[in-house]
Each structure stands twice: as structure tokens, then as C-alpha cells.
N, C-alpha and C. Protein backbone atom coordinates (compact mmCIF):
# COMPACT_ATOMS: atom_id res chain seq x y z
N MET A 1 11.67 -27.46 -2.95
CA MET A 1 10.74 -28.26 -2.19
C MET A 1 10.26 -27.52 -0.94
N LYS A 2 11.23 -26.83 -0.30
CA LYS A 2 10.90 -26.09 0.91
C LYS A 2 9.91 -24.96 0.61
N ALA A 3 10.13 -24.27 -0.52
CA ALA A 3 9.24 -23.18 -0.90
C ALA A 3 7.84 -23.71 -1.21
N LEU A 4 7.77 -24.87 -1.83
CA LEU A 4 6.48 -25.47 -2.14
C LEU A 4 5.71 -25.82 -0.87
N LEU A 5 6.40 -26.37 0.12
CA LEU A 5 5.76 -26.72 1.39
C LEU A 5 5.30 -25.46 2.13
N LEU A 6 6.12 -24.41 2.13
CA LEU A 6 5.72 -23.16 2.79
C LEU A 6 4.52 -22.53 2.10
N THR A 7 4.49 -22.59 0.78
CA THR A 7 3.36 -22.05 0.04
C THR A 7 2.09 -22.83 0.35
N ALA A 8 2.20 -24.16 0.38
CA ALA A 8 1.03 -24.99 0.69
C ALA A 8 0.53 -24.71 2.10
N ALA A 9 1.44 -24.56 3.05
CA ALA A 9 1.05 -24.27 4.43
C ALA A 9 0.35 -22.92 4.52
N ALA A 10 0.85 -21.93 3.78
CA ALA A 10 0.23 -20.60 3.79
C ALA A 10 -1.17 -20.65 3.19
N VAL A 11 -1.35 -21.40 2.11
CA VAL A 11 -2.67 -21.51 1.48
C VAL A 11 -3.65 -22.19 2.42
N VAL A 12 -3.22 -23.23 3.09
CA VAL A 12 -4.09 -23.93 4.04
C VAL A 12 -4.47 -23.02 5.20
N ALA A 13 -3.51 -22.27 5.72
CA ALA A 13 -3.77 -21.38 6.85
C ALA A 13 -4.75 -20.28 6.46
N VAL A 14 -4.55 -19.68 5.29
CA VAL A 14 -5.43 -18.59 4.85
C VAL A 14 -6.84 -19.12 4.57
N SER A 15 -6.95 -20.27 3.96
CA SER A 15 -8.28 -20.81 3.67
C SER A 15 -9.00 -21.20 4.96
N ALA A 16 -8.27 -21.68 5.96
CA ALA A 16 -8.90 -22.03 7.23
C ALA A 16 -9.41 -20.78 7.94
N MET A 17 -8.66 -19.69 7.86
CA MET A 17 -9.10 -18.45 8.49
C MET A 17 -10.31 -17.87 7.76
N ALA A 18 -10.35 -17.98 6.44
CA ALA A 18 -11.45 -17.43 5.67
C ALA A 18 -12.75 -18.17 5.98
N VAL A 19 -12.68 -19.47 6.17
CA VAL A 19 -13.87 -20.26 6.47
C VAL A 19 -14.37 -19.94 7.88
N SER A 20 -13.46 -19.80 8.84
CA SER A 20 -13.87 -19.56 10.21
C SER A 20 -14.35 -18.12 10.43
N ALA A 21 -13.96 -17.18 9.56
CA ALA A 21 -14.35 -15.78 9.74
C ALA A 21 -15.75 -15.50 9.20
N ARG A 22 -16.29 -16.39 8.40
CA ARG A 22 -17.60 -16.16 7.82
C ARG A 22 -18.69 -16.47 8.85
N ALA A 23 -19.56 -15.52 9.09
CA ALA A 23 -20.63 -15.70 10.06
C ALA A 23 -21.91 -16.08 9.35
N GLU A 24 -22.72 -16.85 10.01
CA GLU A 24 -23.99 -17.28 9.43
C GLU A 24 -25.10 -16.32 9.83
N GLY A 25 -26.02 -16.06 8.92
CA GLY A 25 -27.19 -15.25 9.21
C GLY A 25 -26.94 -13.76 9.07
N PRO A 26 -28.02 -12.98 9.05
CA PRO A 26 -27.89 -11.53 8.89
C PRO A 26 -27.43 -10.87 10.19
N ARG A 27 -26.73 -9.78 10.03
CA ARG A 27 -26.32 -8.99 11.20
C ARG A 27 -27.40 -7.98 11.51
N ALA A 28 -27.44 -7.55 12.74
CA ALA A 28 -28.45 -6.56 13.15
C ALA A 28 -28.23 -5.23 12.43
N SER A 29 -26.98 -4.90 12.11
CA SER A 29 -26.70 -3.62 11.47
C SER A 29 -26.92 -3.66 9.97
N SER A 30 -27.21 -4.83 9.40
CA SER A 30 -27.34 -4.91 7.96
C SER A 30 -28.76 -4.63 7.48
N GLU A 31 -29.68 -4.34 8.37
CA GLU A 31 -31.06 -4.09 7.96
C GLU A 31 -31.28 -2.65 7.51
N HIS A 32 -30.42 -1.74 7.88
CA HIS A 32 -30.46 -0.34 7.46
C HIS A 32 -31.78 0.35 7.79
N ASN A 33 -32.36 0.03 8.94
CA ASN A 33 -33.58 0.72 9.34
C ASN A 33 -33.61 0.99 10.84
N TRP A 34 -32.48 1.13 11.45
CA TRP A 34 -32.47 1.39 12.88
C TRP A 34 -32.89 2.83 13.15
N PRO A 35 -33.53 3.09 14.32
CA PRO A 35 -34.04 4.43 14.60
C PRO A 35 -32.92 5.45 14.69
N GLY A 36 -33.14 6.59 14.08
CA GLY A 36 -32.16 7.65 14.11
C GLY A 36 -31.19 7.61 12.95
N MET A 37 -31.30 6.62 12.07
CA MET A 37 -30.37 6.53 10.96
C MET A 37 -30.64 7.62 9.93
N THR A 38 -31.88 7.77 9.54
CA THR A 38 -32.22 8.79 8.56
C THR A 38 -32.70 10.07 9.21
N ASP A 39 -33.23 9.99 10.43
CA ASP A 39 -33.71 11.17 11.15
C ASP A 39 -32.94 11.28 12.46
N PRO A 40 -31.96 12.16 12.52
CA PRO A 40 -31.15 12.26 13.73
C PRO A 40 -31.92 12.78 14.94
N ASN A 41 -33.11 13.37 14.72
CA ASN A 41 -33.91 13.89 15.83
C ASN A 41 -34.89 12.86 16.36
N ALA A 42 -34.86 11.66 15.82
CA ALA A 42 -35.79 10.62 16.26
C ALA A 42 -35.45 10.20 17.69
N VAL A 43 -36.47 9.90 18.45
CA VAL A 43 -36.28 9.46 19.82
C VAL A 43 -35.97 7.97 19.80
N THR A 44 -34.80 7.61 20.29
CA THR A 44 -34.40 6.21 20.25
C THR A 44 -34.66 5.50 21.57
N GLY A 45 -34.98 6.23 22.61
CA GLY A 45 -35.22 5.60 23.91
C GLY A 45 -33.94 5.34 24.68
N TYR A 46 -32.83 5.81 24.17
CA TYR A 46 -31.56 5.60 24.85
C TYR A 46 -31.01 6.95 25.26
N ALA A 47 -30.73 7.10 26.53
CA ALA A 47 -30.15 8.35 27.03
C ALA A 47 -28.64 8.23 27.00
N TYR A 48 -28.01 9.08 26.23
CA TYR A 48 -26.56 9.05 26.15
C TYR A 48 -25.95 9.59 27.44
N PRO A 49 -24.92 8.96 27.93
CA PRO A 49 -24.33 9.41 29.20
C PRO A 49 -23.62 10.76 29.04
N VAL A 50 -23.75 11.57 30.05
CA VAL A 50 -23.06 12.85 30.09
C VAL A 50 -22.03 12.75 31.20
N TYR A 51 -20.79 12.89 30.83
CA TYR A 51 -19.70 12.73 31.78
C TYR A 51 -19.33 14.08 32.37
N GLN A 52 -19.23 14.13 33.69
CA GLN A 52 -18.82 15.34 34.37
C GLN A 52 -17.32 15.27 34.62
N VAL A 53 -16.62 16.29 34.19
CA VAL A 53 -15.18 16.33 34.40
C VAL A 53 -14.91 17.16 35.63
N SER A 54 -14.31 16.54 36.63
CA SER A 54 -13.98 17.28 37.84
C SER A 54 -12.48 17.57 37.83
N SER A 55 -12.13 18.68 38.44
CA SER A 55 -10.71 19.05 38.45
C SER A 55 -9.96 18.13 39.42
N GLN A 56 -8.81 17.69 38.99
CA GLN A 56 -7.97 16.81 39.80
C GLN A 56 -6.99 17.67 40.60
N PRO A 57 -6.68 17.27 41.81
CA PRO A 57 -5.66 18.02 42.55
C PRO A 57 -4.31 17.88 41.86
N ALA A 58 -3.51 18.93 41.99
CA ALA A 58 -2.20 18.91 41.34
C ALA A 58 -1.34 17.82 41.96
N ALA A 59 -0.69 17.06 41.11
CA ALA A 59 0.16 15.97 41.58
C ALA A 59 1.46 16.54 42.15
N ALA A 60 1.91 15.93 43.20
CA ALA A 60 3.16 16.36 43.81
C ALA A 60 4.33 15.98 42.90
N PRO A 61 5.34 16.82 42.81
CA PRO A 61 6.51 16.47 42.00
C PRO A 61 7.17 15.20 42.53
N GLN A 62 7.65 14.38 41.65
CA GLN A 62 8.32 13.15 42.07
C GLN A 62 9.46 12.84 41.12
N PHE A 63 10.40 12.06 41.61
CA PHE A 63 11.53 11.65 40.80
C PHE A 63 11.24 10.29 40.16
N THR A 64 11.61 10.15 38.89
CA THR A 64 11.46 8.87 38.20
C THR A 64 12.80 8.47 37.60
N TRP A 65 13.03 7.16 37.49
CA TRP A 65 14.28 6.64 36.95
C TRP A 65 14.15 6.53 35.43
N ARG A 66 15.03 7.18 34.71
CA ARG A 66 15.02 7.16 33.24
C ARG A 66 16.31 6.52 32.75
N GLU A 67 16.21 5.72 31.69
CA GLU A 67 17.37 5.11 31.08
C GLU A 67 17.37 5.42 29.59
N GLY A 68 18.56 5.52 29.03
CA GLY A 68 18.64 5.77 27.59
C GLY A 68 20.07 6.02 27.17
N TYR A 69 20.24 6.36 25.89
CA TYR A 69 21.56 6.62 25.34
C TYR A 69 21.86 8.11 25.41
N ASP A 70 23.11 8.44 25.68
CA ASP A 70 23.62 9.81 25.63
C ASP A 70 23.79 10.23 24.18
N HIS A 71 24.17 11.49 23.99
CA HIS A 71 24.48 11.95 22.64
C HIS A 71 25.72 11.26 22.11
N GLY A 72 26.60 10.83 22.99
CA GLY A 72 27.82 10.14 22.57
C GLY A 72 27.61 8.65 22.36
N GLY A 73 26.42 8.14 22.55
CA GLY A 73 26.15 6.73 22.33
C GLY A 73 26.35 5.87 23.56
N LYS A 74 26.53 6.50 24.73
CA LYS A 74 26.75 5.74 25.96
C LYS A 74 25.42 5.53 26.69
N TRP A 75 25.16 4.30 27.12
CA TRP A 75 23.95 3.96 27.86
C TRP A 75 24.10 4.37 29.31
N HIS A 76 23.09 5.02 29.86
CA HIS A 76 23.14 5.40 31.27
C HIS A 76 21.73 5.57 31.81
N GLY A 77 21.63 5.57 33.12
CA GLY A 77 20.38 5.83 33.80
C GLY A 77 20.53 7.02 34.73
N HIS A 78 19.43 7.73 34.94
CA HIS A 78 19.50 8.89 35.83
C HIS A 78 18.10 9.18 36.38
N TRP A 79 18.06 9.93 37.48
CA TRP A 79 16.81 10.34 38.08
C TRP A 79 16.38 11.67 37.46
N THR A 80 15.08 11.79 37.15
CA THR A 80 14.53 13.00 36.57
C THR A 80 13.35 13.46 37.41
N LEU A 81 13.28 14.76 37.68
CA LEU A 81 12.18 15.33 38.43
C LEU A 81 10.99 15.52 37.49
N MET A 82 9.87 14.87 37.82
CA MET A 82 8.66 14.97 37.00
C MET A 82 7.68 15.89 37.73
N GLN A 83 7.17 16.87 37.03
CA GLN A 83 6.23 17.83 37.61
C GLN A 83 4.83 17.32 37.52
């Protein structure tokens, strides 16, 4: 009886999700005619951003608290110097 109830609950849950996931109407990407799709050199009117990477100053070394198991299986914490 318990298995039957769990199966029924699973079927109801899956069917409810399937109904709510269906969207009405066509999507913008389903028309297959957006500019630049067949001709990559086409002018789309959108300027892609160019990111400038600047060098970051070197971070100062600092100590961080690390926890974990030893090779012998003992739990411990210790300070570790991070560069």
C-alpha cells in the first residue's frame, strides 16, 4: 500500500511539473533567422564588450586556518602560510 501511494505521489508530482514547464507561444530563438546566424560577418548592431585585464598587485602572504584529517586518521587544525 505504501509503495502504491509513493508511486501515485511521484506520478502526480511529475505531471504537475510537466504542465507548468510548458510555455505558450513561439520563442524568439525558434525563428532561425536572427542576424549573423548564417553569415558571421553580418553587422548586428551590437558591439561586443572588450575587457581590459589589468595586472593586480601581488597579495601579501597571510596565514589561514586549515582543518582536516592526518594520515593517521586524527582530526586537527593548523595555521598555513598562503602565498
